[in-house]
């Protein structure tokens, strides 16, 4: 009986599962959507592709679906003026060298300025220490302590003498000013080359000018100290010379006539030269000679005083005069060294050399322009006048007034009462 009930339950449950599955199938059945066909775009025909590519100017061929399409072939460089392109490449090479020199001279200037500060502080500390030791030894030292103080002070004074001799020989403050001037002039040349590349078609004349200018600056402001260093104490004060010998570096003008030159402008330039020679150049040469003599006296006095102090310190204990001489000489040596190197007298000498050279360059530029008989080879007259006025710190009207004043003063037999330059 129990088995019959179980079989009836199994049959009823299976029939219910089948019926429920049918209901589920009926519930989740989705009607089929109609097929929608989208048109597939056809690839463009070969004729259309060729037509589009030919319009762009292609000439070589590559296969595209069993057909050929033209593409460009670059067999040669673009047709340009070969001489201009070579000159441009050379100028860019020179420009890189000039930029490198700017960096080198700037670094050297900073280094040598540090030399001046460090050497001055070291020498003064050595000298003052030795002077103090002499004073202590003279106050009551005896025996071994006295000998130690005497020996130490003598060695310190001797070391200060040697270091000071080398320092006065190379003049670090003047070396630093040389490198600052070289940096400025190389940057000026760098801007000139950039201007040529920007507004002109470079020629071999420009390349030769840039090369000569670089070599002239290298000679005027050498980097090494041994063998090539500028003489710091020449027999006669001379202006700096950093430009090449005059050559035909001027571009030939395409402007007809006298290239904006006139007799009035030539007379004006001649009068400006007279003022520069009689006032500015003469004044800087006079001041340069004076400062050079002062620097020579200071350069000799410093090592001489420390040497005297070294000799006096060796005789401390044998009499009061030895200590007095050593202490006084040490104090004077410190004062002289501070005045010479902290006051940077060597730098002042170099400034006067540079200023005198600047006016010499102006004189030479004006004279070479006036001596050129071919007006086409002169620089544009109005441009030249404007450059001279700017270099002297004057306006065009002030430059003309200066020329008129110089002319009238010479006629009246009196001296011009002003300098040509308002900058230096």
Protein backbone atom coordinates (compact mmCIF):
# COMPACT_ATOMS: atom_id res chain seq x y z
CA UNK A 1 0.00 0.00 0.00
CA UNK A 2 2.80 2.35 0.85
CA UNK A 3 4.56 1.54 -2.41
CA UNK A 4 1.45 2.37 -4.42
CA UNK A 5 1.14 5.76 -2.70
CA UNK A 6 4.75 6.60 -3.42
CA UNK A 7 4.51 5.70 -7.09
CA UNK A 8 1.33 7.75 -7.42
CA UNK A 9 3.13 10.74 -5.84
CA UNK A 10 6.12 10.42 -8.18
CA UNK A 11 3.92 10.25 -11.25
CA UNK A 12 1.93 13.28 -10.16
CA UNK A 13 5.09 15.33 -9.43
CA UNK A 14 6.70 14.44 -12.75
CA UNK A 15 3.55 15.40 -14.63
CA UNK A 16 3.50 18.76 -12.77
CA UNK A 17 7.16 19.44 -13.62
CA UNK A 18 6.54 18.74 -17.29
CA UNK A 19 3.50 20.98 -17.34
CA UNK A 20 5.44 23.80 -15.55
CA UNK A 21 8.35 23.51 -17.94
CA UNK A 22 5.96 23.86 -20.82
CA UNK A 23 4.54 26.95 -19.22
CA UNK A 24 8.01 28.42 -18.73
CA UNK A 25 8.97 27.71 -22.31
CA UNK A 26 5.83 29.37 -23.44
CA UNK A 27 6.52 32.37 -21.23
CA UNK A 28 10.11 33.11 -22.39
CA UNK A 29 9.62 32.48 -26.10
CA UNK A 30 10.47 35.67 -28.12
CA UNK A 31 9.13 36.31 -31.59
CA UNK A 32 11.76 36.38 -34.32
CA UNK A 33 12.62 39.83 -35.67
CA UNK A 34 12.63 40.45 -39.39
CA UNK A 35 16.03 40.55 -41.09
CA UNK A 36 17.23 44.01 -42.05
CA UNK A 37 19.95 44.21 -44.65
CA UNK A 38 22.32 47.22 -44.62
CA UNK A 39 24.04 48.14 -47.85
CA UNK A 40 27.82 47.62 -47.68
CA UNK A 41 29.74 50.57 -49.24
CA UNK A 42 31.73 49.54 -52.19
CA UNK A 43 35.40 50.28 -52.35
CA UNK A 44 36.16 53.20 -54.58
CA UNK A 45 37.11 52.28 -58.01
CA UNK A 46 40.68 52.33 -59.13
CA UNK A 47 40.03 55.22 -61.45
CA UNK A 48 38.76 57.40 -58.61
CA UNK A 49 41.79 56.62 -56.39
CA UNK A 50 44.19 57.31 -59.20
CA UNK A 51 42.39 60.54 -60.00
CA UNK A 52 42.63 61.78 -56.40
CA UNK A 53 46.28 60.84 -56.04
CA UNK A 54 47.25 62.33 -59.37
CA UNK A 55 45.69 65.61 -58.31
CA UNK A 56 48.15 65.72 -55.38
CA UNK A 57 51.11 65.39 -57.70
CA UNK A 58 52.36 61.89 -56.89
CA UNK A 59 54.54 60.35 -59.51
CA UNK A 60 55.84 57.01 -58.18
CA UNK A 61 53.77 53.86 -58.01
CA UNK A 62 52.71 51.45 -55.30
CA UNK A 63 50.24 48.60 -55.77
CA UNK A 64 46.69 49.04 -54.44
CA UNK A 65 44.43 46.08 -55.20
CA UNK A 66 46.22 45.06 -58.34
CA UNK A 67 46.51 48.65 -59.57
CA UNK A 68 49.27 51.26 -59.42
CA UNK A 69 49.19 54.61 -57.64
CA UNK A 70 51.76 57.37 -58.06
CA UNK A 71 53.89 58.69 -55.12
CA UNK A 72 56.66 61.35 -55.01
CA UNK A 73 60.32 60.42 -55.11
CA UNK A 74 62.94 62.79 -53.76
CA UNK A 75 66.09 62.01 -55.65
CA UNK A 76 67.82 65.37 -55.20
CA UNK A 77 67.94 68.18 -52.66
CA UNK A 78 65.81 71.26 -53.30
CA UNK A 79 67.36 73.60 -55.75
CA UNK A 80 68.90 76.44 -53.73
CA UNK A 81 71.84 78.75 -54.15
CA UNK A 82 74.74 76.50 -53.19
CA UNK A 83 77.07 79.36 -52.20
CA UNK A 84 74.43 80.90 -49.92
CA UNK A 85 73.67 77.56 -48.28
CA UNK A 86 77.38 76.88 -47.67
CA UNK A 87 77.89 80.34 -46.18
CA UNK A 88 74.83 79.86 -43.96
CA UNK A 89 76.14 76.50 -42.71
CA UNK A 90 79.54 78.04 -41.97
CA UNK A 91 77.96 80.94 -40.08
CA UNK A 92 75.93 78.52 -37.97
CA UNK A 93 79.14 76.62 -37.16
CA UNK A 94 80.85 79.88 -36.15
CA UNK A 95 77.77 80.82 -34.11
CA UNK A 96 78.08 77.60 -32.11
CA UNK A 97 81.77 78.30 -31.46
CA UNK A 98 80.95 81.85 -30.33
CA UNK A 99 78.23 80.60 -27.96
CA UNK A 100 80.76 78.15 -26.48
CA UNK A 101 83.28 80.96 -25.95
CA UNK A 102 80.66 83.08 -24.21
CA UNK A 103 80.12 80.28 -21.72
CA UNK A 104 83.85 79.70 -21.21
CA UNK A 105 84.73 83.36 -20.62
CA UNK A 106 81.78 83.82 -18.28
CA UNK A 107 82.86 80.84 -16.18
CA UNK A 108 86.47 82.02 -16.17
CA UNK A 109 85.41 85.50 -15.09
CA UNK A 110 83.51 84.13 -12.11
CA UNK A 111 86.41 81.85 -11.18
CA UNK A 112 89.00 84.61 -11.27
CA UNK A 113 86.78 86.95 -9.30
CA UNK A 114 86.66 84.23 -6.64
CA UNK A 115 90.45 84.03 -6.78
CA UNK A 116 90.68 87.71 -5.92
CA UNK A 117 88.38 87.40 -2.89
CA UNK A 118 89.84 84.16 -1.54
CA UNK A 119 93.49 85.12 -1.99
CA UNK A 120 92.97 88.55 -0.45
CA UNK A 121 91.22 87.12 2.62
CA UNK A 122 93.83 84.39 3.02
CA UNK A 123 96.81 86.77 2.75
CA UNK A 124 95.30 89.26 5.17
CA UNK A 125 94.55 86.51 7.70
CA UNK A 126 98.09 85.14 7.41
CA UNK A 127 99.62 88.60 7.78
CA UNK A 128 97.49 89.58 10.76
CA UNK A 129 98.12 86.26 12.48
CA UNK A 130 101.88 86.64 12.05
CA UNK A 131 101.72 90.23 13.29
CA UNK A 132 99.82 89.14 16.39
CA UNK A 133 102.33 86.40 17.10
CA UNK A 134 105.20 88.90 16.87
CA UNK A 135 103.42 91.18 19.33
CA UNK A 136 102.88 88.31 21.77
CA UNK A 137 106.51 87.23 21.48
CA UNK A 138 107.72 90.76 22.15
CA UNK A 139 105.65 91.19 25.32
CA UNK A 140 107.52 88.69 27.43
CA UNK A 141 108.23 85.43 25.69
CA UNK A 142 111.39 83.56 26.50
CA UNK A 143 113.01 80.25 25.80
CA UNK A 144 111.14 77.68 23.74
CA UNK A 145 107.86 79.68 23.52
CA UNK A 146 109.73 82.67 22.13
CA UNK A 147 111.49 80.50 19.56
CA UNK A 148 108.20 78.91 18.50
CA UNK A 149 106.51 82.28 18.08
CA UNK A 150 109.47 83.73 16.17
CA UNK A 151 109.69 80.74 13.84
CA UNK A 152 105.96 80.60 13.22
CA UNK A 153 105.61 84.32 12.50
CA UNK A 154 108.62 84.28 10.19
CA UNK A 155 107.21 81.35 8.21
CA UNK A 156 103.79 83.03 7.95
CA UNK A 157 105.26 86.33 6.76
CA UNK A 158 107.41 84.46 4.23
CA UNK A 159 104.41 82.52 2.93
CA UNK A 160 102.39 85.75 2.66
CA UNK A 161 105.23 87.34 0.69
CA UNK A 162 105.33 84.51 -1.85
CA UNK A 163 101.56 84.29 -2.30
CA UNK A 164 101.26 88.06 -2.54
CA UNK A 165 103.99 88.22 -5.18
CA UNK A 166 102.09 85.74 -7.36
CA UNK A 167 98.79 87.53 -6.75
CA UNK A 168 100.22 90.91 -7.69
CA UNK A 169 101.79 89.39 -10.79
CA UNK A 170 98.53 87.99 -12.22
CA UNK A 171 96.17 90.66 -10.80
CA UNK A 172 93.00 88.52 -10.37
CA UNK A 173 90.65 91.52 -10.40
CA UNK A 174 92.05 92.58 -13.77
CA UNK A 175 91.81 88.99 -15.06
CA UNK A 176 88.13 88.90 -14.06
CA UNK A 177 87.44 92.20 -15.84
CA UNK A 178 89.17 90.90 -18.99
CA UNK A 179 86.85 87.90 -19.04
CA UNK A 180 83.80 90.08 -18.47
CA UNK A 181 84.79 92.25 -21.43
CA UNK A 182 85.41 89.16 -23.56
CA UNK A 183 81.97 87.79 -22.64
CA UNK A 184 80.32 91.05 -23.62
CA UNK A 185 82.15 91.27 -26.96
CA UNK A 186 81.48 87.63 -27.88
CA UNK A 187 77.80 88.16 -27.10
CA UNK A 188 77.86 91.22 -29.33
CA UNK A 189 79.39 89.15 -32.14
CA UNK A 190 76.78 86.45 -31.53
CA UNK A 191 73.97 88.99 -32.03
CA UNK A 192 75.64 90.33 -35.18
CA UNK A 193 75.79 86.86 -36.73
CA UNK A 194 72.17 86.20 -35.78
CA UNK A 195 71.18 89.49 -37.45
CA UNK A 196 73.02 88.52 -40.64
CA UNK A 197 71.27 85.16 -40.71
CA UNK A 198 67.90 86.77 -40.07
CA UNK A 199 67.81 89.67 -42.55
CA UNK A 200 70.54 88.95 -45.13
CA UNK A 201 71.61 86.21 -47.50
CA UNK A 202 74.98 85.20 -45.97
CA UNK A 203 78.04 85.37 -48.19
CA UNK A 204 81.65 84.30 -47.88
CA UNK A 205 82.41 87.91 -46.92
CA UNK A 206 80.27 87.50 -43.81
CA UNK A 207 81.99 84.21 -42.97
CA UNK A 208 85.44 85.78 -43.28
CA UNK A 209 84.40 88.75 -41.13
CA UNK A 210 83.03 86.47 -38.38
CA UNK A 211 86.12 84.25 -38.44
CA UNK A 212 88.51 87.21 -38.22
CA UNK A 213 86.48 88.72 -35.39
CA UNK A 214 86.57 85.49 -33.38
CA UNK A 215 90.33 85.13 -33.84
CA UNK A 216 90.93 88.78 -32.92
CA UNK A 217 88.92 88.37 -29.71
CA UNK A 218 90.79 85.16 -28.85
CA UNK A 219 94.05 87.04 -29.21
CA UNK A 220 92.88 90.09 -27.26
CA UNK A 221 91.44 88.11 -24.32
CA UNK A 222 93.33 84.81 -23.92
CA UNK A 223 92.04 82.20 -21.50
CA UNK A 224 95.35 80.61 -20.35
CA UNK A 225 97.58 82.32 -17.81
CA UNK A 226 100.98 80.85 -18.65
CA UNK A 227 102.64 82.20 -21.76
CA UNK A 228 99.67 84.12 -23.18
CA UNK A 229 98.50 86.28 -20.29
CA UNK A 230 98.21 90.00 -21.01
CA UNK A 231 101.10 91.93 -19.45
CA UNK A 232 99.70 93.57 -16.32
CA UNK A 233 102.50 96.15 -15.92
CA UNK A 234 103.56 97.32 -19.39
CA UNK A 235 106.10 100.08 -19.83
CA UNK A 236 103.43 102.23 -21.47
CA UNK A 237 99.66 102.21 -21.13
CA UNK A 238 98.03 101.03 -24.36
CA UNK A 239 94.32 100.79 -25.28
CA UNK A 240 92.78 97.35 -25.77
CA UNK A 241 92.63 96.09 -29.35
CA UNK A 242 89.98 93.42 -30.01
CA UNK A 243 88.92 93.97 -33.63
CA UNK A 244 90.53 92.60 -36.81
CA UNK A 245 92.57 94.65 -39.19
CA UNK A 246 90.40 96.71 -41.55
CA UNK A 247 89.31 94.73 -44.59
CA UNK A 248 86.63 95.12 -47.20
CA UNK A 249 83.89 93.61 -45.06
CA UNK A 250 81.15 96.04 -46.08
CA UNK A 251 78.29 94.80 -48.23
CA UNK A 252 77.95 96.55 -51.55
CA UNK A 253 74.89 98.79 -51.57
CA UNK A 254 72.22 98.48 -54.26
CA UNK A 255 70.99 102.03 -53.65
CA UNK A 256 71.80 104.45 -56.48
CA UNK A 257 73.69 107.66 -55.81
CA UNK A 258 75.90 108.37 -52.81
CA UNK A 259 74.26 105.83 -50.50
CA UNK A 260 72.77 108.61 -48.35
CA UNK A 261 76.15 110.25 -47.80
CA UNK A 262 76.62 113.99 -48.20
CA UNK A 263 79.37 116.54 -47.70
CA UNK A 264 77.64 117.78 -44.55
CA UNK A 265 77.60 114.27 -43.07
CA UNK A 266 81.27 113.74 -43.89
CA UNK A 267 82.19 117.03 -42.23
CA UNK A 268 80.10 116.07 -39.21
CA UNK A 269 81.92 112.75 -38.86
CA UNK A 270 85.33 114.47 -39.15
CA UNK A 271 84.41 116.88 -36.37
CA UNK A 272 83.24 114.00 -34.18
CA UNK A 273 86.62 112.31 -34.68
CA UNK A 274 88.42 115.48 -33.58
CA UNK A 275 86.37 115.70 -30.39
CA UNK A 276 86.93 112.00 -29.60
CA UNK A 277 90.69 112.30 -30.11
CA UNK A 278 91.09 115.59 -28.26
CA UNK A 279 88.83 114.87 -25.29
CA UNK A 280 87.71 111.28 -24.69
CA UNK A 281 90.72 109.26 -25.85
CA UNK A 282 93.22 111.69 -24.36
CA UNK A 283 91.43 111.73 -21.00
CA UNK A 284 91.25 107.94 -20.72
CA UNK A 285 94.89 107.56 -21.74
CA UNK A 286 95.91 110.06 -19.05
CA UNK A 287 93.82 108.34 -16.36
CA UNK A 288 94.98 104.91 -17.48
CA UNK A 289 98.64 105.88 -17.14
CA UNK A 290 97.98 107.33 -13.68
CA UNK A 291 96.16 104.26 -12.35
CA UNK A 292 98.78 101.96 -13.88
CA UNK A 293 101.55 103.79 -11.98
CA UNK A 294 99.58 103.57 -8.73
CA UNK A 295 99.01 99.86 -9.26
CA UNK A 296 102.74 99.30 -9.86
CA UNK A 297 103.63 101.06 -6.60
CA UNK A 298 101.06 99.03 -4.64
CA UNK A 299 102.14 95.75 -6.26
CA UNK A 300 105.76 96.35 -5.21
CA UNK A 301 104.92 97.70 -1.75
CA UNK A 302 102.86 94.73 -0.55
CA UNK A 303 105.48 91.95 -0.90
CA UNK A 304 108.23 94.37 0.19
CA UNK A 305 106.43 95.13 3.46
CA UNK A 306 105.71 91.48 4.25
CA UNK A 307 109.36 90.67 3.50
CA UNK A 308 110.50 93.36 5.93
CA UNK A 309 108.07 91.99 8.50
CA UNK A 310 109.50 88.48 8.00
CA UNK A 311 113.04 89.77 8.57
CA UNK A 312 112.00 91.75 11.65
CA UNK A 313 110.15 88.81 13.19
CA UNK A 314 113.27 86.69 12.95
CA UNK A 315 115.09 89.10 15.31
CA UNK A 316 112.36 89.47 17.90
CA UNK A 317 113.87 89.15 21.39
CA UNK A 318 117.16 90.76 20.41
CA UNK A 319 115.82 94.26 20.75
CA UNK A 320 112.62 96.25 20.79
CA UNK A 321 113.16 97.70 17.29
CA UNK A 322 112.82 94.32 15.58
CA UNK A 323 109.33 93.77 17.00
CA UNK A 324 108.27 97.32 16.17
CA UNK A 325 109.44 96.97 12.58
CA UNK A 326 107.76 93.58 12.14
CA UNK A 327 104.44 94.68 13.61
CA UNK A 328 104.35 97.99 11.72
CA UNK A 329 105.32 96.37 8.40
CA UNK A 330 102.70 93.66 8.83
CA UNK A 331 99.97 96.21 9.54
CA UNK A 332 101.02 98.36 6.56
CA UNK A 333 101.15 95.31 4.28
CA UNK A 334 97.57 94.41 5.24
CA UNK A 335 96.44 97.96 4.50
CA UNK A 336 98.21 98.10 1.12
CA UNK A 337 96.88 94.70 0.05
CA UNK A 338 93.35 95.62 1.02
CA UNK A 339 93.54 98.90 -0.89
CA UNK A 340 94.98 97.23 -4.00
CA UNK A 341 92.87 94.10 -4.26
CA UNK A 342 89.70 94.97 -2.37
CA UNK A 343 89.69 98.29 -4.22
CA UNK A 344 90.35 96.29 -7.43
CA UNK A 345 92.84 98.73 -8.87
CA UNK A 346 93.73 96.21 -11.57
CA UNK A 347 90.12 96.13 -12.66
CA UNK A 348 90.14 99.92 -12.98
CA UNK A 349 93.20 99.70 -15.23
CA UNK A 350 91.39 97.22 -17.47
CA UNK A 351 88.29 99.42 -17.59
CA UNK A 352 90.39 102.34 -18.83
CA UNK A 353 92.08 100.07 -21.39
CA UNK A 354 88.71 98.95 -22.65
CA UNK A 355 87.27 102.48 -22.82
CA UNK A 356 90.32 103.79 -24.68
CA UNK A 357 90.01 100.86 -27.08
CA UNK A 358 86.34 101.65 -27.64
CA UNK A 359 87.14 105.19 -28.75
CA UNK A 360 90.02 103.96 -30.90
CA UNK A 361 87.58 101.60 -32.63
CA UNK A 362 85.17 104.47 -33.26
CA UNK A 363 87.95 106.59 -34.74
CA UNK A 364 89.06 103.76 -37.00
CA UNK A 365 85.49 103.01 -38.11
CA UNK A 366 84.81 106.62 -39.08
CA UNK A 367 88.17 107.07 -40.80
CA UNK A 368 87.83 103.87 -42.83
CA UNK A 369 84.33 104.91 -43.93
CA UNK A 370 85.50 108.37 -45.00
CA UNK A 371 88.54 106.99 -46.82
CA UNK A 372 86.37 104.68 -48.94
CA UNK A 373 85.86 106.47 -52.26
CA UNK A 374 83.26 104.01 -53.57
CA UNK A 375 80.01 105.08 -51.94
CA UNK A 376 78.41 101.74 -52.75
CA UNK A 377 80.92 100.04 -50.46
CA UNK A 378 80.21 102.38 -47.56
CA UNK A 379 77.57 101.65 -44.99
CA UNK A 380 74.32 103.55 -45.45
CA UNK A 381 75.06 107.15 -44.38
CA UNK A 382 71.98 107.68 -42.21
CA UNK A 383 72.39 104.28 -40.57
CA UNK A 384 76.07 104.99 -39.88
CA UNK A 385 75.24 108.35 -38.30
CA UNK A 386 72.58 106.75 -36.09
CA UNK A 387 75.03 104.06 -34.91
CA UNK A 388 77.67 106.64 -33.99
CA UNK A 389 75.11 108.70 -32.09
CA UNK A 390 73.89 105.67 -30.12
CA UNK A 391 77.43 104.55 -29.27
CA UNK A 392 78.15 108.01 -27.89
CA UNK A 393 74.86 108.16 -25.98
CA UNK A 394 73.51 111.06 -28.02
CA UNK A 395 70.55 111.77 -30.25
CA UNK A 396 71.08 112.73 -33.89
CA UNK A 397 70.44 116.39 -33.14
CA UNK A 398 72.91 116.33 -30.22
CA UNK A 399 75.55 114.71 -32.43
CA UNK A 400 75.11 117.44 -35.07
CA UNK A 401 75.26 120.14 -32.39
CA UNK A 402 78.51 118.64 -31.12
CA UNK A 403 79.99 118.75 -34.63
CA UNK A 404 78.95 122.39 -35.07
CA UNK A 405 80.37 123.31 -31.68
CA UNK A 406 83.67 121.59 -32.53
CA UNK A 407 83.88 123.43 -35.85
CA UNK A 408 83.16 126.85 -34.35
CA UNK A 409 85.56 126.22 -31.44
CA UNK A 410 88.39 125.40 -33.82
CA UNK A 411 87.70 128.53 -35.83
CA UNK A 412 87.69 130.62 -32.64
CA UNK A 413 90.82 128.88 -31.38
CA UNK A 414 89.26 127.54 -28.18
CA UNK A 415 88.86 124.00 -26.88
CA UNK A 416 85.53 122.15 -26.86
CA UNK A 417 84.15 122.16 -23.35
CA UNK A 418 82.44 118.74 -23.45
CA UNK A 419 83.26 115.13 -24.19
CA UNK A 420 81.92 113.30 -27.21
CA UNK A 421 80.56 110.38 -25.17
CA UNK A 422 77.82 110.73 -22.60
CA UNK A 423 78.11 107.07 -21.57
CA UNK A 424 81.75 106.67 -20.47
